[in-house]
Protein backbone atom coordinates (compact mmCIF):
# COMPACT_ATOMS: atom_id res chain seq x y z
CA UNK A 1 -2.81 11.48 -32.41
CA UNK A 2 -0.99 11.35 -29.11
CA UNK A 3 -0.80 8.15 -27.19
CA UNK A 4 -3.07 7.86 -24.15
CA UNK A 5 -1.26 8.64 -20.91
CA UNK A 6 -1.00 5.86 -18.30
CA UNK A 7 -2.75 6.81 -15.12
CA UNK A 8 -0.46 7.29 -12.25
CA UNK A 9 -1.24 5.78 -8.80
CA UNK A 10 -2.92 8.35 -6.53
CA UNK A 11 -2.62 8.60 -2.78
CA UNK A 12 -3.87 10.83 -0.05
CA UNK A 13 -0.62 12.84 0.25
CA UNK A 14 -0.03 15.66 2.69
CA UNK A 15 0.62 19.15 1.56
CA UNK A 16 4.11 20.44 2.54
CA UNK A 17 5.24 24.02 2.53
CA UNK A 18 7.09 25.24 -0.50
CA UNK A 19 10.88 25.34 -0.07
CA UNK A 20 12.42 28.66 0.65
CA UNK A 21 15.86 27.85 -0.75
CA UNK A 22 17.08 25.71 -3.67
CA UNK A 23 20.51 24.31 -4.33
CA UNK A 24 22.88 26.30 -6.45
CA UNK A 25 26.53 25.62 -7.41
CA UNK A 26 29.08 27.43 -5.18
CA UNK A 27 31.87 29.52 -6.76
CA UNK A 28 34.99 27.53 -6.20
CA UNK A 29 38.35 26.92 -7.94
CA UNK A 30 40.78 24.12 -8.11
CA UNK A 31 42.53 23.60 -4.89
CA UNK A 32 45.95 22.64 -6.29
CA UNK A 33 46.78 26.11 -7.41
CA UNK A 34 45.54 27.59 -4.15
CA UNK A 35 47.58 25.15 -2.08
CA UNK A 36 50.72 26.00 -4.16
CA UNK A 37 50.26 29.69 -3.69
CA UNK A 38 49.62 29.28 0.02
CA UNK A 39 52.86 27.31 0.52
CA UNK A 40 54.74 29.97 -1.52
CA UNK A 41 53.23 32.60 0.71
CA UNK A 42 54.29 30.77 3.82
CA UNK A 43 57.84 30.38 2.48
CA UNK A 44 58.04 34.07 1.48
CA UNK A 45 56.84 35.17 4.92
CA UNK A 46 59.29 32.84 6.63
CA UNK A 47 62.07 34.16 4.32
CA UNK A 48 61.25 37.77 5.11
CA UNK A 49 61.41 37.09 8.84
CA UNK A 50 64.60 35.20 8.47
CA UNK A 51 66.24 37.85 6.31
CA UNK A 52 65.52 40.51 8.98
CA UNK A 53 68.33 39.11 11.01
CA UNK A 54 70.85 40.38 8.52
CA UNK A 55 69.54 43.88 8.40
CA UNK A 56 71.37 46.41 10.56
CA UNK A 57 68.69 49.15 10.81
CA UNK A 58 66.03 48.69 13.51
CA UNK A 59 63.21 50.18 11.40
CA UNK A 60 64.08 48.03 8.36
CA UNK A 61 64.31 44.87 10.52
CA UNK A 62 60.94 45.66 12.13
CA UNK A 63 59.40 46.29 8.72
CA UNK A 64 60.61 42.96 7.36
CA UNK A 65 59.30 41.03 10.35
CA UNK A 66 55.92 42.68 10.22
CA UNK A 67 55.65 42.22 6.53
CA UNK A 68 56.71 38.54 6.81
CA UNK A 69 54.16 37.89 9.51
CA UNK A 70 51.40 39.46 7.49
CA UNK A 71 52.35 37.53 4.37
CA UNK A 72 52.47 34.28 6.41
CA UNK A 73 49.09 35.07 8.06
CA UNK A 74 47.52 35.88 4.68
CA UNK A 75 48.86 32.62 3.16
CA UNK A 76 47.55 30.61 6.17
CA UNK A 77 44.22 32.33 6.00
CA UNK A 78 43.92 31.65 2.26
CA UNK A 79 44.73 27.99 2.80
CA UNK A 80 41.89 27.75 5.26
CA UNK A 81 39.62 27.94 2.17
CA UNK A 82 40.74 24.49 0.99
CA UNK A 83 38.30 21.68 1.06
CA UNK A 84 38.65 17.97 0.28
CA UNK A 85 35.42 16.69 -1.32
CA UNK A 86 35.10 12.88 -1.54
CA UNK A 87 32.88 11.18 -4.17
CA UNK A 88 29.35 10.94 -2.85
CA UNK A 89 29.83 13.99 -0.69
CA UNK A 90 29.02 17.70 -0.98
CA UNK A 91 29.88 20.95 0.87
CA UNK A 92 27.12 23.47 1.68
CA UNK A 93 28.76 26.85 1.76
CA UNK A 94 27.54 29.77 3.95
CA UNK A 95 28.84 33.25 4.30
CA UNK A 96 27.80 35.04 7.49
CA UNK A 97 24.64 32.90 7.65
CA UNK A 98 23.69 33.29 3.96
CA UNK A 99 23.61 30.27 1.70
CA UNK A 100 26.25 30.81 -1.04
CA UNK A 101 26.00 27.46 -2.94
CA UNK A 102 27.02 23.83 -2.81
CA UNK A 103 30.25 22.13 -3.84
CA UNK A 104 29.57 18.84 -5.47
CA UNK A 105 32.82 18.50 -7.68
CA UNK A 106 35.05 16.02 -5.91
CA UNK A 107 38.75 16.63 -5.22
CA UNK A 108 40.54 19.60 -3.61
CA UNK A 109 38.57 22.78 -4.02
CA UNK A 110 39.08 26.31 -2.73
CA UNK A 111 36.36 28.78 -1.72
CA UNK A 112 36.22 32.01 0.25
CA UNK A 113 38.06 31.18 3.56
CA UNK A 114 35.58 33.38 5.53
CA UNK A 115 32.71 30.98 4.57
CA UNK A 116 31.59 27.97 6.65
CA UNK A 117 31.31 24.63 4.84
CA UNK A 118 29.00 21.89 6.11
CA UNK A 119 29.63 18.33 4.86
CA UNK A 120 26.55 16.36 3.69
CA UNK A 121 26.42 12.90 2.13
CA UNK A 122 24.73 12.36 -1.24
CA UNK A 123 25.16 8.58 -1.23
CA UNK A 124 22.27 6.19 -1.53
CA UNK A 125 21.02 5.02 1.80
CA UNK A 126 18.64 2.39 3.27
CA UNK A 127 16.13 2.99 6.03
CA UNK A 128 14.21 0.03 7.47
CA UNK A 129 11.45 0.70 9.87
CA UNK A 130 10.84 -1.31 12.93
CA UNK A 131 7.96 -3.81 12.96
CA UNK A 132 4.88 -1.62 13.41
CA UNK A 133 1.55 -2.79 14.84
CA UNK A 134 -1.45 -1.03 13.36
CA UNK A 135 -5.06 -1.86 12.47
CA UNK A 136 -5.92 -2.44 8.81
CA UNK A 137 -9.06 -1.10 7.09
CA UNK A 138 -11.17 -3.80 8.58
CA UNK A 139 -9.89 -3.11 12.11
CA UNK A 140 -7.71 -6.27 12.33
CA UNK A 141 -4.40 -5.75 14.11
CA UNK A 142 -1.48 -6.49 11.80
CA UNK A 143 2.36 -6.17 11.87
CA UNK A 144 4.28 -4.68 8.96
CA UNK A 145 7.69 -3.19 8.20
CA UNK A 146 9.12 -1.35 5.22
CA UNK A 147 12.47 -0.61 3.73
CA UNK A 148 13.10 2.74 1.90
CA UNK A 149 16.03 3.48 -0.49
CA UNK A 150 16.72 7.23 -0.56
CA UNK A 151 19.36 9.84 -1.16
CA UNK A 152 19.72 13.60 -0.80
CA UNK A 153 18.90 15.37 -4.03
CA UNK A 154 18.86 19.01 -2.88
CA UNK A 155 21.53 19.65 -0.28
CA UNK A 156 20.25 23.22 0.43
CA UNK A 157 16.80 21.99 1.34
CA UNK A 158 18.19 19.09 3.43
CA UNK A 159 20.26 21.61 5.42
CA UNK A 160 17.97 24.54 5.85
CA UNK A 161 14.32 23.30 5.47
CA UNK A 162 14.47 20.67 8.23
CA UNK A 163 16.32 20.33 11.49
CA UNK A 164 17.69 16.80 10.85
CA UNK A 165 16.90 15.32 7.50
CA UNK A 166 17.83 11.71 8.58
CA UNK A 167 15.45 11.79 11.45
CA UNK A 168 12.83 13.55 9.22
CA UNK A 169 13.02 10.76 6.63
CA UNK A 170 12.72 8.13 9.40
CA UNK A 171 9.71 9.75 10.99
CA UNK A 172 7.87 10.46 7.72
CA UNK A 173 8.56 6.84 6.50
CA UNK A 174 6.88 5.51 9.55
CA UNK A 175 3.97 7.82 9.22
CA UNK A 176 3.47 6.89 5.55
CA UNK A 177 3.60 3.14 6.36
CA UNK A 178 1.04 3.54 9.09
CA UNK A 179 -1.24 5.58 6.83
CA UNK A 180 -1.14 3.06 4.02
CA UNK A 181 -1.79 0.25 6.42
CA UNK A 182 -5.02 1.75 7.80
CA UNK A 183 -6.25 2.57 4.21
CA UNK A 184 -6.35 -1.08 2.96
CA UNK A 185 -7.13 -4.45 4.41
CA UNK A 186 -4.79 -7.26 4.94
CA UNK A 187 -6.98 -9.52 2.79
CA UNK A 188 -9.84 -8.14 0.74
CA UNK A 189 -13.32 -9.77 1.09
CA UNK A 190 -14.33 -8.92 -2.43
CA UNK A 191 -12.28 -9.81 -5.53
CA UNK A 192 -12.10 -6.23 -6.93
CA UNK A 193 -10.77 -4.63 -3.78
CA UNK A 194 -7.11 -3.92 -3.07
CA UNK A 195 -5.36 -5.71 -0.21
CA UNK A 196 -1.98 -5.45 1.43
CA UNK A 197 -1.22 -9.18 0.79
CA UNK A 198 -2.83 -9.55 -2.61
CA UNK A 199 -1.80 -6.33 -4.28
CA UNK A 200 1.71 -5.66 -2.99
CA UNK A 201 2.87 -3.99 -6.14
CA UNK A 202 0.05 -1.46 -6.29
CA UNK A 203 0.31 -0.71 -2.60
CA UNK A 204 4.09 -0.13 -2.66
CA UNK A 205 3.57 2.32 -5.59
CA UNK A 206 1.12 4.20 -3.53
CA UNK A 207 3.60 4.15 -0.63
CA UNK A 208 6.35 5.57 -2.87
CA UNK A 209 4.06 8.41 -4.00
CA UNK A 210 3.13 9.34 -0.48
CA UNK A 211 6.73 9.03 0.70
CA UNK A 212 7.89 11.35 -2.16
CA UNK A 213 5.30 13.92 -1.15
CA UNK A 214 6.31 13.85 2.52
CA UNK A 215 10.04 14.17 2.09
CA UNK A 216 10.29 16.36 -0.99
CA UNK A 217 10.40 19.41 1.24
CA UNK A 218 13.67 18.09 2.70
CA UNK A 219 15.30 17.67 -0.67
CA UNK A 220 15.21 13.89 -0.52
CA UNK A 221 14.62 11.54 -3.38
CA UNK A 222 12.86 8.20 -2.80
CA UNK A 223 14.47 5.61 -5.09
CA UNK A 224 12.42 2.46 -3.93
CA UNK A 225 10.19 1.33 -1.09
CA UNK A 226 9.14 -2.19 -0.23
CA UNK A 227 7.38 -4.04 2.52
CA UNK A 228 9.72 -6.39 4.32
CA UNK A 229 7.30 -7.81 6.89
CA UNK A 230 3.52 -8.31 6.72
CA UNK A 231 1.52 -10.58 9.01
CA UNK A 232 -1.44 -10.59 11.30
CA UNK A 233 -0.76 -9.81 14.87
CA UNK A 234 -0.15 -12.85 17.10
CA UNK A 235 -3.42 -12.47 19.00
CA UNK A 236 -5.49 -13.16 15.87
CA UNK A 237 -2.98 -15.05 13.74
CA UNK A 238 -4.53 -18.48 14.54
CA UNK A 239 -8.08 -17.34 13.84
CA UNK A 240 -7.12 -15.72 10.66
CA UNK A 241 -5.15 -18.79 9.64
CA UNK A 242 -8.27 -20.91 10.14
CA UNK A 243 -10.28 -18.45 7.99
CA UNK A 244 -7.67 -18.68 5.21
CA UNK A 245 -7.64 -22.52 5.47
CA UNK A 246 -11.48 -22.57 5.27
CA UNK A 247 -11.43 -20.30 2.18
CA UNK A 248 -8.83 -22.56 0.53
CA UNK A 249 -10.94 -25.66 1.32
CA UNK A 250 -14.02 -23.99 -0.19
CA UNK A 251 -12.16 -22.94 -3.27
CA UNK A 252 -10.74 -26.48 -3.65
CA UNK A 253 -14.20 -28.01 -3.22
CA UNK A 254 -15.65 -25.67 -5.89
CA UNK A 255 -13.03 -26.67 -8.26
CA UNK A 256 -13.54 -30.31 -7.63
CA UNK A 257 -17.30 -30.02 -8.05
CA UNK A 258 -16.90 -28.13 -11.36
CA UNK A 259 -14.52 -30.78 -12.60
CA UNK A 260 -16.87 -33.62 -11.46
CA UNK A 261 -19.88 -32.03 -13.23
CA UNK A 262 -17.88 -31.80 -16.47
CA UNK A 263 -16.81 -35.42 -16.21
CA UNK A 264 -20.35 -36.66 -15.55
CA UNK A 265 -21.64 -34.64 -18.56
CA UNK A 266 -18.94 -36.10 -20.71
CA UNK A 267 -19.72 -39.69 -19.48
CA UNK A 268 -23.39 -39.34 -20.18
CA UNK A 269 -22.77 -37.93 -23.61
CA UNK A 270 -20.38 -40.68 -24.65
CA UNK A 271 -22.69 -43.38 -23.34
CA UNK A 272 -25.57 -41.94 -25.44
CA UNK A 273 -23.31 -41.52 -28.54
CA UNK A 274 -22.06 -45.11 -28.52
CA UNK A 275 -25.42 -46.63 -27.55
CA UNK A 276 -23.97 -48.72 -24.85
CA UNK A 277 -27.17 -48.74 -22.75
CA UNK A 278 -30.42 -46.99 -22.99
CA UNK A 279 -30.79 -44.77 -19.89
CA UNK A 280 -34.08 -43.25 -18.82
CA UNK A 281 -34.30 -40.25 -16.43
CA UNK A 282 -34.22 -42.38 -13.27
CA UNK A 283 -31.19 -44.31 -14.36
CA UNK A 284 -29.46 -41.09 -15.35
CA UNK A 285 -30.16 -39.67 -12.00
CA UNK A 286 -28.73 -42.76 -10.24
CA UNK A 287 -25.62 -42.68 -12.37
CA UNK A 288 -25.15 -38.96 -11.79
CA UNK A 289 -25.50 -39.55 -8.01
CA UNK A 290 -23.05 -42.38 -7.98
CA UNK A 291 -20.48 -40.55 -10.14
CA UNK A 292 -20.77 -37.37 -8.02
CA UNK A 293 -20.22 -39.38 -4.78
CA UNK A 294 -17.16 -41.20 -6.29
CA UNK A 295 -15.56 -37.97 -7.73
CA UNK A 296 -16.37 -35.60 -4.86
CA UNK A 297 -15.85 -37.94 -1.95
CA UNK A 298 -12.86 -37.65 0.51
CA UNK A 299 -12.45 -41.44 0.74
CA UNK A 300 -12.00 -44.17 -1.88
CA UNK A 301 -15.25 -45.58 -3.18
CA UNK A 302 -16.17 -49.15 -2.09
CA UNK A 303 -17.65 -51.20 -4.90
CA UNK A 304 -21.10 -52.64 -4.29
CA UNK A 305 -22.24 -55.67 -6.23
CA UNK A 306 -25.91 -55.39 -7.22
CA UNK A 307 -27.44 -58.84 -7.70
CA UNK A 308 -30.89 -57.49 -8.50
CA UNK A 309 -32.14 -54.79 -10.72
CA UNK A 310 -32.09 -51.04 -10.49
CA UNK A 311 -35.86 -50.97 -9.66
CA UNK A 312 -35.79 -53.58 -6.92
């Protein structure tokens, strides 16, 4: 039996148009041999021109000069096809406007000299958004910022599918962060609901899914995305801080009461087991009241000496 598949995080992602071009490797050869042949051609052309000075006939001299110039021009034109490709870079090759492939192999490469070559970086990059002010799912104004780690995966799509892939990534990242922010509250009122502050891992996974869908048309791969800033807007920060403090006080009081009830139950049980004193219902109620006051009070208890009896 096959193992159950882990459900992937879903997000309301936009539908982008299908790419019209995909990256393919360009036809290229090692540039060392092409450089050597080009230099030899230049030397041969210069030698033919120089040797024309020792020829007596005018026709032969003109022929040597013309041939030398043509050989030199052909060698120079061939050397124009040389490209130096550094690690982390690529060259998008076009011939008369048509895409002819991409050179990713680093070093000195030679391609058709009549083609145009556009340099594009394939290194890993960071993009950090400015601090954005948006309203969360409850309508509260919040501030948030995110950092995205990305790189170009398909150089053809990055070049031909969008005008400027760097600006495209920047704009789509801001749009995705704003969309995620309005989908979830900063703090969830119910325990089962997702919130930006309490479920950062789940929210960032959804952000990565939406970012991938938005920038996939540009041939960009999202490596990681994280929130770098998350806070209430200054105009409501003090009110929300009081709300958080009140919630913390209520939670602490609830824990204190639960612990006090357990201690009172244990005390009554041990007194009954050891037979220290016989307690009726009224005495038990008085003991419970006193213990709860001592255990749940904010101040230290002041002892009171009772010189009478419990019923006076």
